[in-house]
């Protein structure tokens, strides 16, 4: 099972918000997911991430989408994972 950390869209038409989730790569974008890791609101530019869960999934080998990688990098999670790995 290939796990990806990616965004799933929620919210209304012209008012997007996203959940950051760990999901099986075979599931559809807005379908079933394994675990909720946080939220992202592009209009308000706010991000809430459960760092412990995110680090656990990254260490377990989950692949990050490009957008999630940018969000995690901005939040400093990528740096924490690379420091702990040294």
N, C-alpha and C. Protein backbone atom coordinates (compact mmCIF):
# COMPACT_ATOMS: atom_id res chain seq x y z
N UNK A 1 0.84 -1.18 0.00
CA UNK A 1 0.00 0.00 0.00
C UNK A 1 0.89 1.24 0.00
N UNK A 2 0.75 2.07 -1.03
CA UNK A 2 1.51 3.31 -1.13
C UNK A 2 0.71 4.44 -0.49
N UNK A 3 1.25 5.04 0.56
CA UNK A 3 0.57 6.11 1.26
C UNK A 3 1.11 7.45 0.78
N UNK A 4 0.20 8.36 0.50
CA UNK A 4 0.57 9.71 0.11
C UNK A 4 -0.06 10.70 1.08
N UNK A 5 0.67 11.75 1.37
CA UNK A 5 0.12 12.85 2.14
C UNK A 5 -0.26 13.91 1.12
N UNK A 6 -1.55 14.23 1.05
CA UNK A 6 -2.03 15.15 0.02
C UNK A 6 -3.21 15.95 0.53
N UNK A 7 -3.71 16.84 -0.31
CA UNK A 7 -4.85 17.67 0.04
C UNK A 7 -6.13 17.05 -0.49
N UNK A 8 -7.20 17.18 0.27
CA UNK A 8 -8.52 16.82 -0.20
C UNK A 8 -9.39 18.07 -0.04
N UNK A 9 -10.16 18.38 -1.06
CA UNK A 9 -10.91 19.63 -1.08
C UNK A 9 -12.21 19.53 -0.29
N UNK A 10 -12.48 20.58 0.47
CA UNK A 10 -13.75 20.76 1.15
C UNK A 10 -14.20 22.20 0.88
N UNK A 11 -15.32 22.58 1.36
CA UNK A 11 -15.77 23.95 1.17
C UNK A 11 -16.72 24.08 -0.01
N UNK A 12 -17.25 25.27 -0.18
CA UNK A 12 -18.25 25.52 -1.20
C UNK A 12 -17.61 26.02 -2.50
N UNK A 13 -18.45 26.16 -3.50
CA UNK A 13 -18.04 26.69 -4.79
C UNK A 13 -17.45 28.09 -4.60
N UNK A 14 -16.28 28.34 -5.14
CA UNK A 14 -15.54 29.61 -5.02
C UNK A 14 -15.13 29.94 -3.59
N UNK A 15 -15.18 28.99 -2.69
CA UNK A 15 -14.74 29.18 -1.30
C UNK A 15 -14.01 27.91 -0.85
N UNK A 16 -12.84 27.64 -1.44
CA UNK A 16 -12.19 26.36 -1.16
C UNK A 16 -11.52 26.33 0.22
N UNK A 17 -11.47 25.17 0.78
CA UNK A 17 -10.62 24.87 1.94
C UNK A 17 -10.20 23.42 1.76
N UNK A 18 -9.11 23.06 2.38
CA UNK A 18 -8.55 21.74 2.16
C UNK A 18 -8.21 21.07 3.48
N UNK A 19 -8.25 19.75 3.48
CA UNK A 19 -7.76 18.94 4.58
C UNK A 19 -6.45 18.31 4.12
N UNK A 20 -5.49 18.25 5.01
CA UNK A 20 -4.24 17.55 4.73
C UNK A 20 -4.42 16.15 5.30
N UNK A 21 -4.35 15.14 4.42
CA UNK A 21 -4.65 13.77 4.83
C UNK A 21 -3.57 12.80 4.38
N UNK A 22 -3.47 11.70 5.09
CA UNK A 22 -2.68 10.56 4.66
C UNK A 22 -3.66 9.58 4.04
N UNK A 23 -3.44 9.25 2.76
CA UNK A 23 -4.39 8.40 2.04
C UNK A 23 -3.66 7.39 1.18
N UNK A 24 -4.30 6.27 0.94
CA UNK A 24 -3.80 5.28 -0.02
C UNK A 24 -3.81 5.95 -1.39
N UNK A 25 -2.75 5.79 -2.16
CA UNK A 25 -2.64 6.48 -3.44
C UNK A 25 -3.70 6.03 -4.44
N UNK A 26 -4.32 4.87 -4.20
CA UNK A 26 -5.35 4.37 -5.12
C UNK A 26 -6.72 4.99 -4.88
N UNK A 27 -6.92 5.64 -3.73
CA UNK A 27 -8.21 6.25 -3.41
C UNK A 27 -8.37 7.56 -4.18
N UNK A 28 -9.60 7.96 -4.51
CA UNK A 28 -9.80 9.23 -5.20
C UNK A 28 -9.44 10.42 -4.32
N UNK A 29 -9.24 11.57 -4.96
CA UNK A 29 -8.78 12.77 -4.24
C UNK A 29 -9.66 13.11 -3.05
N UNK A 30 -10.96 13.12 -3.24
CA UNK A 30 -11.88 13.49 -2.17
C UNK A 30 -12.51 12.28 -1.51
N UNK A 31 -11.92 11.11 -1.70
CA UNK A 31 -12.48 9.88 -1.16
C UNK A 31 -11.97 9.56 0.23
N UNK A 32 -11.96 8.29 0.52
CA UNK A 32 -11.57 7.79 1.84
C UNK A 32 -10.10 8.10 2.12
N UNK A 33 -9.80 8.37 3.38
CA UNK A 33 -8.41 8.59 3.78
C UNK A 33 -8.13 7.85 5.07
N UNK A 34 -6.85 7.71 5.38
CA UNK A 34 -6.43 6.94 6.56
C UNK A 34 -6.46 7.81 7.81
N UNK A 35 -5.87 9.02 7.71
CA UNK A 35 -5.79 9.87 8.89
C UNK A 35 -5.77 11.34 8.48
N UNK A 36 -6.43 12.18 9.27
CA UNK A 36 -6.45 13.61 9.06
C UNK A 36 -5.24 14.23 9.77
N UNK A 37 -4.44 15.00 9.04
CA UNK A 37 -3.23 15.60 9.61
C UNK A 37 -3.34 17.09 9.84
N UNK A 38 -4.27 17.75 9.17
CA UNK A 38 -4.39 19.19 9.36
C UNK A 38 -5.33 19.80 8.35
N UNK A 39 -5.34 21.15 8.30
CA UNK A 39 -6.19 21.88 7.38
C UNK A 39 -5.39 23.00 6.73
N UNK A 40 -5.89 23.45 5.58
CA UNK A 40 -5.27 24.56 4.85
C UNK A 40 -6.38 25.39 4.22
N UNK A 41 -6.36 26.69 4.49
CA UNK A 41 -7.33 27.62 3.91
C UNK A 41 -6.57 28.61 3.04
N UNK A 42 -6.64 28.47 1.70
CA UNK A 42 -5.85 29.34 0.83
C UNK A 42 -6.35 30.79 0.79
N UNK A 43 -7.61 31.03 1.07
CA UNK A 43 -8.12 32.40 1.04
C UNK A 43 -7.66 33.19 2.26
N UNK A 44 -7.63 32.57 3.41
CA UNK A 44 -7.15 33.22 4.63
C UNK A 44 -5.65 32.99 4.82
N UNK A 45 -5.08 32.09 4.02
CA UNK A 45 -3.67 31.72 4.07
C UNK A 45 -3.29 31.20 5.46
N UNK A 46 -4.13 30.31 6.01
CA UNK A 46 -3.86 29.71 7.31
C UNK A 46 -3.67 28.20 7.15
N UNK A 47 -2.75 27.69 7.94
CA UNK A 47 -2.46 26.26 7.92
C UNK A 47 -2.40 25.77 9.36
N UNK A 48 -3.08 24.67 9.64
CA UNK A 48 -3.01 24.02 10.95
C UNK A 48 -2.57 22.59 10.70
N UNK A 49 -1.44 22.20 11.30
CA UNK A 49 -0.89 20.87 11.06
C UNK A 49 -0.57 20.22 12.40
N UNK A 50 -0.95 18.95 12.55
CA UNK A 50 -0.54 18.16 13.71
C UNK A 50 0.86 17.61 13.40
N UNK A 51 1.87 18.28 13.94
CA UNK A 51 3.26 17.97 13.59
C UNK A 51 3.65 16.54 13.95
N UNK A 52 3.21 16.05 15.09
CA UNK A 52 3.58 14.70 15.52
C UNK A 52 3.09 13.65 14.53
N UNK A 53 1.83 13.78 14.11
CA UNK A 53 1.28 12.83 13.14
C UNK A 53 1.98 12.94 11.80
N UNK A 54 2.26 14.17 11.37
CA UNK A 54 2.91 14.38 10.08
C UNK A 54 4.31 13.78 10.08
N UNK A 55 5.08 14.00 11.13
CA UNK A 55 6.43 13.45 11.21
C UNK A 55 6.39 11.93 11.24
N UNK A 56 5.42 11.37 11.97
CA UNK A 56 5.29 9.91 12.03
C UNK A 56 5.05 9.33 10.63
N UNK A 57 4.14 9.94 9.86
CA UNK A 57 3.85 9.42 8.52
C UNK A 57 5.04 9.58 7.58
N UNK A 58 5.76 10.69 7.68
CA UNK A 58 6.93 10.89 6.82
C UNK A 58 8.00 9.85 7.14
N UNK A 59 8.22 9.60 8.42
CA UNK A 59 9.22 8.60 8.82
C UNK A 59 8.80 7.19 8.40
N UNK A 60 7.49 6.94 8.33
CA UNK A 60 7.00 5.62 7.90
C UNK A 60 7.05 5.45 6.38
N UNK A 61 7.45 6.51 5.66
CA UNK A 61 7.66 6.40 4.22
C UNK A 61 6.56 6.96 3.34
N UNK A 62 5.67 7.76 3.90
CA UNK A 62 4.62 8.36 3.08
C UNK A 62 5.22 9.39 2.12
N UNK A 63 4.70 9.41 0.91
CA UNK A 63 5.16 10.35 -0.10
C UNK A 63 4.34 11.64 0.00
N UNK A 64 4.99 12.79 -0.15
CA UNK A 64 4.31 14.07 -0.06
C UNK A 64 3.99 14.59 -1.45
N UNK A 65 2.80 15.17 -1.61
CA UNK A 65 2.50 15.86 -2.87
C UNK A 65 3.31 17.16 -2.87
N UNK A 66 3.44 17.78 -4.04
CA UNK A 66 4.24 19.00 -4.16
C UNK A 66 3.70 20.13 -3.27
N UNK A 67 2.39 20.29 -3.25
CA UNK A 67 1.78 21.35 -2.46
C UNK A 67 1.97 21.11 -0.97
N UNK A 68 1.79 19.87 -0.54
CA UNK A 68 1.95 19.54 0.88
C UNK A 68 3.42 19.70 1.28
N UNK A 69 4.35 19.34 0.39
CA UNK A 69 5.77 19.53 0.68
C UNK A 69 6.07 21.01 0.93
N UNK A 70 5.49 21.89 0.12
CA UNK A 70 5.69 23.32 0.29
C UNK A 70 5.09 23.81 1.61
N UNK A 71 3.89 23.32 1.95
CA UNK A 71 3.25 23.72 3.22
C UNK A 71 4.07 23.23 4.42
N UNK A 72 4.53 21.98 4.36
CA UNK A 72 5.33 21.44 5.46
C UNK A 72 6.66 22.16 5.58
N UNK A 73 7.26 22.50 4.46
CA UNK A 73 8.53 23.21 4.48
C UNK A 73 8.35 24.59 5.12
N UNK A 74 7.28 25.27 4.77
CA UNK A 74 6.98 26.58 5.33
C UNK A 74 6.74 26.49 6.84
N UNK A 75 6.14 25.39 7.29
CA UNK A 75 5.85 25.19 8.71
C UNK A 75 7.07 24.67 9.48
N UNK A 76 8.13 24.28 8.77
CA UNK A 76 9.34 23.80 9.42
C UNK A 76 9.35 22.31 9.72
N UNK A 77 8.40 21.57 9.22
CA UNK A 77 8.31 20.14 9.51
C UNK A 77 9.39 19.36 8.76
N UNK A 78 9.67 19.75 7.52
CA UNK A 78 10.69 19.07 6.73
C UNK A 78 12.05 19.21 7.40
N UNK A 79 12.35 20.37 7.94
CA UNK A 79 13.62 20.59 8.62
C UNK A 79 13.73 19.72 9.87
N UNK A 80 12.63 19.58 10.59
CA UNK A 80 12.65 18.74 11.81
C UNK A 80 12.90 17.28 11.47
N UNK A 81 12.29 16.81 10.39
CA UNK A 81 12.48 15.42 10.00
C UNK A 81 13.91 15.17 9.56
N UNK A 82 14.49 16.09 8.81
CA UNK A 82 15.86 15.91 8.34
C UNK A 82 16.87 16.03 9.49
N UNK A 83 16.59 16.86 10.49
CA UNK A 83 17.47 16.96 11.67
C UNK A 83 17.46 15.67 12.48
N UNK A 84 16.28 15.11 12.69
CA UNK A 84 16.16 13.89 13.48
C UNK A 84 16.77 12.69 12.77
N UNK A 85 16.81 12.75 11.44
CA UNK A 85 17.36 11.65 10.66
C UNK A 85 18.88 11.62 10.65
N UNK A 86 19.53 12.73 11.02
CA UNK A 86 21.00 12.81 10.98
C UNK A 86 21.64 12.04 12.10
